Amino acid sequence: MDSKMTPEYKVISEQVEKIIKGSNLPEVQKYSLLAGCMTKVAHEYNGTNFEAIKVKLALVSKTMLNAVEKAEQIFGKFKK
């Protein structure tokens, strides 16, 4: 997976964030919406290969959790 953020990625990311922020959905429904979109993308690329889907979504989830842990470390230093 290419981890470089292309100009197209940045534009689409900003659009998605603007739509999500501008909605009146509750927090958990926003997470659910994004998770549903991730699942649809996984299905689009992997069909019914559920093992591949599980692995890819697990990697994405782990990356998100790692980012939260890193942010916690960084912001925890500022709080001290």
N, C-alpha and C. Protein backbone atom coordinates (compact mmCIF):
# COMPACT_ATOMS: atom_id res chain seq x y z
N MET A 1 0.85 -1.18 0.00
CA MET A 1 0.00 0.00 0.00
C MET A 1 0.89 1.24 0.00
N ASP A 2 0.58 2.17 -0.87
CA ASP A 2 1.34 3.41 -0.96
C ASP A 2 0.87 4.36 0.13
N SER A 3 1.78 4.67 1.06
CA SER A 3 1.39 5.51 2.19
C SER A 3 1.54 6.99 1.88
N LYS A 4 1.97 7.34 0.68
CA LYS A 4 2.13 8.73 0.30
C LYS A 4 0.77 9.36 0.04
N MET A 5 0.56 10.54 0.59
CA MET A 5 -0.71 11.23 0.38
C MET A 5 -0.61 12.06 -0.90
N THR A 6 -1.27 11.60 -1.94
CA THR A 6 -1.26 12.29 -3.22
C THR A 6 -2.15 13.53 -3.14
N PRO A 7 -2.00 14.44 -4.08
CA PRO A 7 -2.91 15.59 -4.10
C PRO A 7 -4.38 15.18 -4.17
N GLU A 8 -4.69 14.14 -4.95
CA GLU A 8 -6.08 13.66 -5.03
C GLU A 8 -6.55 13.15 -3.67
N TYR A 9 -5.69 12.40 -2.99
CA TYR A 9 -6.03 11.89 -1.66
C TYR A 9 -6.35 13.03 -0.71
N LYS A 10 -5.51 14.05 -0.72
CA LYS A 10 -5.70 15.19 0.18
C LYS A 10 -7.02 15.91 -0.09
N VAL A 11 -7.35 16.11 -1.36
CA VAL A 11 -8.60 16.79 -1.72
C VAL A 11 -9.81 15.98 -1.28
N ILE A 12 -9.79 14.68 -1.57
CA ILE A 12 -10.92 13.83 -1.20
C ILE A 12 -11.03 13.73 0.31
N SER A 13 -9.90 13.62 1.00
CA SER A 13 -9.91 13.56 2.45
C SER A 13 -10.56 14.81 3.05
N GLU A 14 -10.21 15.96 2.53
CA GLU A 14 -10.80 17.22 3.01
C GLU A 14 -12.31 17.26 2.74
N GLN A 15 -12.72 16.76 1.57
CA GLN A 15 -14.15 16.74 1.23
C GLN A 15 -14.92 15.83 2.18
N VAL A 16 -14.40 14.65 2.42
CA VAL A 16 -15.06 13.69 3.31
C VAL A 16 -15.15 14.27 4.72
N GLU A 17 -14.03 14.84 5.19
CA GLU A 17 -14.03 15.42 6.53
C GLU A 17 -15.05 16.55 6.65
N LYS A 18 -15.15 17.37 5.63
CA LYS A 18 -16.11 18.48 5.63
C LYS A 18 -17.55 17.95 5.70
N ILE A 19 -17.84 16.91 4.93
CA ILE A 19 -19.18 16.32 4.93
C ILE A 19 -19.51 15.74 6.30
N ILE A 20 -18.56 14.98 6.86
CA ILE A 20 -18.79 14.35 8.16
C ILE A 20 -18.98 15.41 9.24
N LYS A 21 -18.07 16.40 9.28
CA LYS A 21 -18.17 17.46 10.29
C LYS A 21 -19.47 18.24 10.15
N GLY A 22 -19.91 18.46 8.92
CA GLY A 22 -21.10 19.26 8.67
C GLY A 22 -22.41 18.54 8.91
N SER A 23 -22.34 17.24 9.12
CA SER A 23 -23.57 16.48 9.35
C SER A 23 -24.02 16.63 10.79
N ASN A 24 -25.26 16.31 11.02
CA ASN A 24 -25.82 16.33 12.38
C ASN A 24 -25.86 14.94 13.01
N LEU A 25 -25.16 14.00 12.40
CA LEU A 25 -25.15 12.64 12.93
C LEU A 25 -24.43 12.61 14.28
N PRO A 26 -24.88 11.75 15.18
CA PRO A 26 -24.16 11.58 16.44
C PRO A 26 -22.79 10.94 16.18
N GLU A 27 -21.90 11.10 17.14
CA GLU A 27 -20.52 10.60 17.00
C GLU A 27 -20.46 9.14 16.55
N VAL A 28 -21.19 8.27 17.23
CA VAL A 28 -21.11 6.83 16.92
C VAL A 28 -21.62 6.54 15.51
N GLN A 29 -22.64 7.26 15.05
CA GLN A 29 -23.13 7.05 13.70
C GLN A 29 -22.10 7.50 12.66
N LYS A 30 -21.31 8.51 12.99
CA LYS A 30 -20.23 8.93 12.08
C LYS A 30 -19.20 7.82 11.96
N TYR A 31 -18.83 7.20 13.08
CA TYR A 31 -17.90 6.06 13.02
C TYR A 31 -18.49 4.93 12.20
N SER A 32 -19.76 4.66 12.44
CA SER A 32 -20.44 3.58 11.72
C SER A 32 -20.47 3.84 10.22
N LEU A 33 -20.73 5.07 9.85
CA LEU A 33 -20.74 5.45 8.43
C LEU A 33 -19.38 5.20 7.79
N LEU A 34 -18.33 5.64 8.45
CA LEU A 34 -16.98 5.46 7.91
C LEU A 34 -16.60 3.98 7.86
N ALA A 35 -16.97 3.22 8.88
CA ALA A 35 -16.69 1.78 8.89
C ALA A 35 -17.43 1.07 7.76
N GLY A 36 -18.67 1.48 7.52
CA GLY A 36 -19.44 0.90 6.42
C GLY A 36 -18.79 1.19 5.07
N CYS A 37 -18.28 2.39 4.91
CA CYS A 37 -17.59 2.76 3.67
C CYS A 37 -16.32 1.92 3.50
N MET A 38 -15.59 1.70 4.59
CA MET A 38 -14.38 0.88 4.52
C MET A 38 -14.72 -0.55 4.11
N THR A 39 -15.81 -1.07 4.66
CA THR A 39 -16.23 -2.43 4.32
C THR A 39 -16.62 -2.54 2.85
N LYS A 40 -17.29 -1.52 2.33
CA LYS A 40 -17.68 -1.53 0.91
C LYS A 40 -16.45 -1.48 0.01
N VAL A 41 -15.45 -0.70 0.39
CA VAL A 41 -14.21 -0.64 -0.41
C VAL A 41 -13.52 -2.00 -0.37
N ALA A 42 -13.45 -2.61 0.81
CA ALA A 42 -12.82 -3.92 0.93
C ALA A 42 -13.53 -4.95 0.05
N HIS A 43 -14.85 -4.91 0.05
CA HIS A 43 -15.62 -5.84 -0.79
C HIS A 43 -15.37 -5.57 -2.28
N GLU A 44 -15.30 -4.29 -2.64
CA GLU A 44 -15.05 -3.91 -4.05
C GLU A 44 -13.75 -4.52 -4.56
N TYR A 45 -12.72 -4.50 -3.73
CA TYR A 45 -11.41 -4.99 -4.17
C TYR A 45 -11.16 -6.46 -3.89
N ASN A 46 -11.93 -7.06 -2.97
CA ASN A 46 -11.65 -8.44 -2.57
C ASN A 46 -12.82 -9.39 -2.74
N GLY A 47 -13.94 -8.88 -3.26
CA GLY A 47 -15.10 -9.74 -3.47
C GLY A 47 -15.51 -10.46 -2.20
N THR A 48 -15.56 -11.77 -2.27
CA THR A 48 -15.95 -12.57 -1.10
C THR A 48 -14.75 -13.25 -0.45
N ASN A 49 -13.55 -12.73 -0.71
CA ASN A 49 -12.35 -13.25 -0.05
C ASN A 49 -12.30 -12.64 1.35
N PHE A 50 -13.06 -13.25 2.25
CA PHE A 50 -13.22 -12.68 3.59
C PHE A 50 -11.93 -12.68 4.40
N GLU A 51 -11.05 -13.64 4.15
CA GLU A 51 -9.76 -13.64 4.84
C GLU A 51 -8.97 -12.39 4.47
N ALA A 52 -8.94 -12.05 3.20
CA ALA A 52 -8.22 -10.85 2.74
C ALA A 52 -8.87 -9.59 3.32
N ILE A 53 -10.20 -9.57 3.32
CA ILE A 53 -10.92 -8.41 3.88
C ILE A 53 -10.58 -8.25 5.36
N LYS A 54 -10.60 -9.34 6.11
CA LYS A 54 -10.29 -9.28 7.54
C LYS A 54 -8.88 -8.75 7.77
N VAL A 55 -7.92 -9.26 7.01
CA VAL A 55 -6.52 -8.85 7.18
C VAL A 55 -6.37 -7.36 6.87
N LYS A 56 -6.94 -6.91 5.77
CA LYS A 56 -6.80 -5.51 5.37
C LYS A 56 -7.48 -4.57 6.36
N LEU A 57 -8.68 -4.91 6.80
CA LEU A 57 -9.37 -4.06 7.78
C LEU A 57 -8.66 -4.10 9.13
N ALA A 58 -8.07 -5.24 9.49
CA ALA A 58 -7.31 -5.32 10.73
C ALA A 58 -6.08 -4.42 10.66
N LEU A 59 -5.40 -4.39 9.52
CA LEU A 59 -4.24 -3.53 9.36
C LEU A 59 -4.62 -2.05 9.46
N VAL A 60 -5.73 -1.70 8.84
CA VAL A 60 -6.20 -0.32 8.91
C VAL A 60 -6.56 0.04 10.35
N SER A 61 -7.26 -0.86 11.02
CA SER A 61 -7.65 -0.62 12.42
C SER A 61 -6.43 -0.48 13.32
N LYS A 62 -5.44 -1.33 13.12
CA LYS A 62 -4.22 -1.27 13.91
C LYS A 62 -3.49 0.06 13.66
N THR A 63 -3.46 0.51 12.42
CA THR A 63 -2.83 1.78 12.09
C THR A 63 -3.54 2.93 12.80
N MET A 64 -4.88 2.89 12.83
CA MET A 64 -5.64 3.93 13.53
C MET A 64 -5.32 3.93 15.02
N LEU A 65 -5.28 2.75 15.63
CA LEU A 65 -4.99 2.66 17.06
C LEU A 65 -3.56 3.12 17.36
N ASN A 66 -2.62 2.79 16.49
CA ASN A 66 -1.25 3.26 16.67
C ASN A 66 -1.18 4.78 16.62
N ALA A 67 -1.94 5.39 15.72
CA ALA A 67 -1.97 6.85 15.60
C ALA A 67 -2.53 7.47 16.88
N VAL A 68 -3.56 6.86 17.44
CA VAL A 68 -4.15 7.37 18.68
C VAL A 68 -3.15 7.25 19.83
N GLU A 69 -2.46 6.13 19.90
CA GLU A 69 -1.46 5.94 20.95
C GLU A 69 -0.32 6.95 20.82
N LYS A 70 0.11 7.23 19.60
CA LYS A 70 1.18 8.20 19.37
C LYS A 70 0.70 9.60 19.76
N ALA A 71 -0.52 9.94 19.39
CA ALA A 71 -1.08 11.25 19.77
C ALA A 71 -1.18 11.36 21.28
N GLU A 72 -1.56 10.28 21.93
CA GLU A 72 -1.67 10.28 23.39
C GLU A 72 -0.30 10.55 24.03
N GLN A 73 0.74 9.95 23.47
CA GLN A 73 2.09 10.17 23.99
C GLN A 73 2.51 11.63 23.78
N ILE A 74 2.26 12.15 22.61
CA ILE A 74 2.67 13.52 22.28
C ILE A 74 1.90 14.53 23.14
N PHE A 75 0.58 14.40 23.18
CA PHE A 75 -0.23 15.36 23.92
C PHE A 75 -0.09 15.18 25.42
N GLY A 76 0.23 13.95 25.85
CA GLY A 76 0.48 13.71 27.27
C GLY A 76 1.69 14.48 27.76
N LYS A 77 2.67 14.64 26.90
CA LYS A 77 3.88 15.40 27.25
C LYS A 77 3.54 16.88 27.44
N PHE A 78 2.60 17.39 26.63
CA PHE A 78 2.21 18.80 26.73
C PHE A 78 1.41 19.08 28.00
N LYS A 79 0.71 18.08 28.49
CA LYS A 79 -0.12 18.25 29.68
C LYS A 79 0.70 18.32 30.95
N LYS A 80 1.92 17.75 30.90
CA LYS A 80 2.76 17.69 32.11
C LYS A 80 3.40 19.02 32.41
